């Protein structure tokens, strides 16, 4: 199993929409945008809590054992 740490980054996504030549205002929601990344593949996707970590559905499926004969 991979590391059990939350992969979270807060990025400044300022787009310069304020008055030109002035910095972004502190209340701008784009100054601190939170991004979450899968603990296993490190891609930014929708995450689910599973077995103590936060994983995308693709990685969770890879960690599960398929029951033989149940694949329809």
N, C-alpha and C. Protein backbone atom coordinates (compact mmCIF):
# COMPACT_ATOMS: atom_id res chain seq x y z
N UNK A 1 0.84 -1.17 0.00
CA UNK A 1 0.00 0.00 0.00
C UNK A 1 0.89 1.25 0.00
N UNK A 2 0.44 2.30 -0.63
CA UNK A 2 1.20 3.53 -0.72
C UNK A 2 1.15 4.32 0.59
N UNK A 3 1.86 5.41 0.61
CA UNK A 3 1.90 6.31 1.77
C UNK A 3 0.50 6.80 2.11
N UNK A 4 0.22 6.94 3.40
CA UNK A 4 -1.11 7.35 3.86
C UNK A 4 -1.16 8.86 4.12
N UNK A 5 -0.60 9.66 3.25
CA UNK A 5 -0.62 11.10 3.41
C UNK A 5 -1.54 11.74 2.39
N UNK A 6 -2.20 12.80 2.80
CA UNK A 6 -3.08 13.52 1.89
C UNK A 6 -2.24 14.38 0.97
N UNK A 7 -2.48 14.23 -0.31
CA UNK A 7 -1.77 15.04 -1.29
C UNK A 7 -2.64 16.24 -1.63
N UNK A 8 -2.33 17.33 -0.97
CA UNK A 8 -3.12 18.55 -1.11
C UNK A 8 -2.16 19.70 -1.39
N UNK A 9 -2.48 20.49 -2.40
CA UNK A 9 -1.67 21.66 -2.72
C UNK A 9 -2.58 22.87 -2.81
N UNK A 10 -2.12 23.98 -2.27
CA UNK A 10 -2.85 25.23 -2.39
C UNK A 10 -2.05 26.11 -3.34
N UNK A 11 -2.67 26.45 -4.46
CA UNK A 11 -1.97 27.19 -5.51
C UNK A 11 -2.57 28.57 -5.72
N UNK A 12 -1.73 29.50 -6.12
CA UNK A 12 -2.18 30.83 -6.48
C UNK A 12 -2.52 30.80 -7.97
N UNK A 13 -3.79 30.92 -8.30
CA UNK A 13 -4.23 30.88 -9.69
C UNK A 13 -4.70 32.25 -10.16
N UNK A 14 -4.03 33.28 -9.68
CA UNK A 14 -4.37 34.64 -10.05
C UNK A 14 -4.34 34.77 -11.57
N UNK A 15 -5.38 35.38 -12.11
CA UNK A 15 -5.47 35.52 -13.57
C UNK A 15 -5.30 36.97 -14.01
N UNK A 16 -4.95 37.85 -13.07
CA UNK A 16 -4.73 39.25 -13.42
C UNK A 16 -6.00 40.00 -13.74
N UNK A 17 -7.11 39.59 -13.15
CA UNK A 17 -8.39 40.23 -13.46
C UNK A 17 -8.59 41.55 -12.72
N UNK A 18 -7.74 41.84 -11.72
CA UNK A 18 -7.83 43.12 -11.01
C UNK A 18 -7.29 44.22 -11.92
N UNK A 19 -7.27 45.42 -11.43
CA UNK A 19 -6.76 46.55 -12.21
C UNK A 19 -5.32 46.26 -12.62
N UNK A 20 -4.97 46.45 -13.89
CA UNK A 20 -3.60 46.19 -14.33
C UNK A 20 -2.57 46.94 -13.48
N UNK A 21 -1.45 46.33 -13.25
CA UNK A 21 -0.33 46.86 -12.47
C UNK A 21 -0.58 46.83 -10.97
N UNK A 22 -1.70 46.28 -10.53
CA UNK A 22 -1.97 46.12 -9.11
C UNK A 22 -2.03 44.64 -8.77
N UNK A 23 -1.57 44.29 -7.60
CA UNK A 23 -1.61 42.87 -7.22
C UNK A 23 -3.03 42.40 -6.94
N UNK A 24 -3.17 41.11 -6.91
CA UNK A 24 -4.46 40.49 -6.60
C UNK A 24 -4.89 40.90 -5.19
N UNK A 25 -6.17 41.18 -5.01
CA UNK A 25 -6.68 41.57 -3.70
C UNK A 25 -6.77 40.35 -2.79
N UNK A 26 -6.57 40.53 -1.49
CA UNK A 26 -6.57 39.39 -0.55
C UNK A 26 -7.87 38.57 -0.56
N UNK A 27 -8.99 39.18 -0.89
CA UNK A 27 -10.26 38.45 -0.87
C UNK A 27 -10.53 37.66 -2.15
N UNK A 28 -9.65 37.74 -3.11
CA UNK A 28 -9.85 37.03 -4.39
C UNK A 28 -9.83 35.52 -4.16
N UNK A 29 -10.86 34.81 -4.62
CA UNK A 29 -10.91 33.35 -4.42
C UNK A 29 -9.86 32.59 -5.22
N UNK A 30 -9.23 33.23 -6.18
CA UNK A 30 -8.21 32.55 -7.00
C UNK A 30 -6.82 32.60 -6.37
N UNK A 31 -6.65 33.34 -5.28
CA UNK A 31 -5.33 33.43 -4.63
C UNK A 31 -4.94 32.13 -3.96
N UNK A 32 -5.91 31.41 -3.40
CA UNK A 32 -5.62 30.16 -2.70
C UNK A 32 -6.62 29.10 -3.13
N UNK A 33 -6.30 28.38 -4.19
CA UNK A 33 -7.18 27.34 -4.73
C UNK A 33 -6.61 25.99 -4.31
N UNK A 34 -7.44 25.18 -3.65
CA UNK A 34 -7.00 23.89 -3.15
C UNK A 34 -7.18 22.81 -4.22
N UNK A 35 -6.13 22.03 -4.41
CA UNK A 35 -6.15 20.91 -5.35
C UNK A 35 -5.82 19.64 -4.56
N UNK A 36 -6.52 18.56 -4.85
CA UNK A 36 -6.29 17.28 -4.19
C UNK A 36 -5.81 16.26 -5.23
N UNK A 37 -4.82 15.46 -4.85
CA UNK A 37 -4.24 14.48 -5.75
C UNK A 37 -4.29 13.09 -5.14
N UNK A 38 -4.51 12.09 -5.96
CA UNK A 38 -4.57 10.71 -5.54
C UNK A 38 -3.26 10.30 -4.85
N UNK A 39 -3.38 9.61 -3.72
CA UNK A 39 -2.19 9.17 -2.98
C UNK A 39 -1.36 8.16 -3.76
N UNK A 40 -1.95 7.48 -4.72
CA UNK A 40 -1.22 6.43 -5.45
C UNK A 40 -0.68 6.92 -6.80
N UNK A 41 -1.55 7.44 -7.66
CA UNK A 41 -1.11 7.84 -9.01
C UNK A 41 -0.74 9.32 -9.10
N UNK A 42 -1.06 10.09 -8.07
CA UNK A 42 -0.74 11.51 -7.97
C UNK A 42 -1.44 12.37 -9.02
N UNK A 43 -2.52 11.87 -9.60
CA UNK A 43 -3.30 12.66 -10.55
C UNK A 43 -4.40 13.40 -9.82
N UNK A 44 -4.78 14.55 -10.36
CA UNK A 44 -5.87 15.33 -9.77
C UNK A 44 -7.19 14.79 -10.31
N UNK A 45 -7.87 14.05 -9.48
CA UNK A 45 -9.15 13.44 -9.85
C UNK A 45 -10.08 13.49 -8.65
N UNK A 46 -11.33 13.07 -8.85
CA UNK A 46 -12.25 12.93 -7.73
C UNK A 46 -11.71 11.83 -6.82
N UNK A 47 -11.64 12.11 -5.51
CA UNK A 47 -11.03 11.17 -4.57
C UNK A 47 -12.06 10.56 -3.63
N UNK A 48 -11.71 9.36 -3.16
CA UNK A 48 -12.52 8.61 -2.21
C UNK A 48 -11.62 8.16 -1.08
N UNK A 49 -12.13 8.17 0.14
CA UNK A 49 -11.37 7.63 1.28
C UNK A 49 -11.46 6.11 1.22
N UNK A 50 -10.30 5.47 1.26
CA UNK A 50 -10.25 4.01 1.21
C UNK A 50 -9.02 3.52 1.95
N UNK A 51 -9.21 2.65 2.90
CA UNK A 51 -8.12 1.98 3.60
C UNK A 51 -7.10 2.98 4.16
N UNK A 52 -7.58 4.09 4.71
CA UNK A 52 -6.71 5.08 5.34
C UNK A 52 -6.09 6.09 4.41
N UNK A 53 -6.41 6.04 3.13
CA UNK A 53 -5.85 6.99 2.18
C UNK A 53 -6.93 7.65 1.36
N UNK A 54 -6.51 8.50 0.45
CA UNK A 54 -7.43 9.17 -0.46
C UNK A 54 -7.00 8.83 -1.88
N UNK A 55 -7.86 8.07 -2.58
CA UNK A 55 -7.51 7.52 -3.88
C UNK A 55 -8.59 7.82 -4.91
N UNK A 56 -8.19 7.86 -6.19
CA UNK A 56 -9.16 7.96 -7.28
C UNK A 56 -9.77 6.57 -7.48
N UNK A 57 -10.90 6.51 -8.16
CA UNK A 57 -11.62 5.24 -8.33
C UNK A 57 -10.78 4.25 -9.15
N UNK A 58 -9.98 4.74 -10.08
CA UNK A 58 -9.14 3.83 -10.89
C UNK A 58 -8.13 3.09 -10.01
N UNK A 59 -7.51 3.81 -9.06
CA UNK A 59 -6.52 3.17 -8.18
C UNK A 59 -7.19 2.24 -7.17
N UNK A 60 -8.38 2.62 -6.71
CA UNK A 60 -9.10 1.72 -5.79
C UNK A 60 -9.43 0.42 -6.49
N UNK A 61 -9.90 0.49 -7.74
CA UNK A 61 -10.22 -0.73 -8.49
C UNK A 61 -8.99 -1.62 -8.64
N UNK A 62 -7.83 -1.03 -8.84
CA UNK A 62 -6.60 -1.81 -8.99
C UNK A 62 -6.19 -2.49 -7.69
N UNK A 63 -6.60 -1.92 -6.54
CA UNK A 63 -6.24 -2.48 -5.25
C UNK A 63 -7.20 -3.60 -4.81
N UNK A 64 -8.35 -3.73 -5.46
CA UNK A 64 -9.34 -4.73 -5.09
C UNK A 64 -9.12 -6.03 -5.82
N UNK A 65 -9.48 -7.13 -5.17
CA UNK A 65 -9.44 -8.45 -5.79
C UNK A 65 -10.79 -8.75 -6.42
N UNK A 66 -10.78 -9.22 -7.66
CA UNK A 66 -12.02 -9.58 -8.35
C UNK A 66 -12.41 -10.99 -7.95
N UNK A 67 -13.68 -11.18 -7.70
CA UNK A 67 -14.20 -12.52 -7.40
C UNK A 67 -14.33 -13.26 -8.72
N UNK A 68 -13.65 -14.42 -8.83
CA UNK A 68 -13.69 -15.18 -10.07
C UNK A 68 -15.11 -15.57 -10.45
N UNK A 69 -15.43 -15.39 -11.72
CA UNK A 69 -16.75 -15.77 -12.22
C UNK A 69 -17.80 -14.70 -12.02
N UNK A 70 -17.46 -13.57 -11.42
CA UNK A 70 -18.47 -12.55 -11.14
C UNK A 70 -18.44 -11.42 -12.15
N UNK A 71 -17.63 -11.52 -13.16
CA UNK A 71 -17.49 -10.41 -14.10
C UNK A 71 -18.55 -10.41 -15.20
N UNK A 72 -19.56 -11.21 -15.05
CA UNK A 72 -20.72 -11.18 -15.92
C UNK A 72 -20.49 -11.81 -17.23
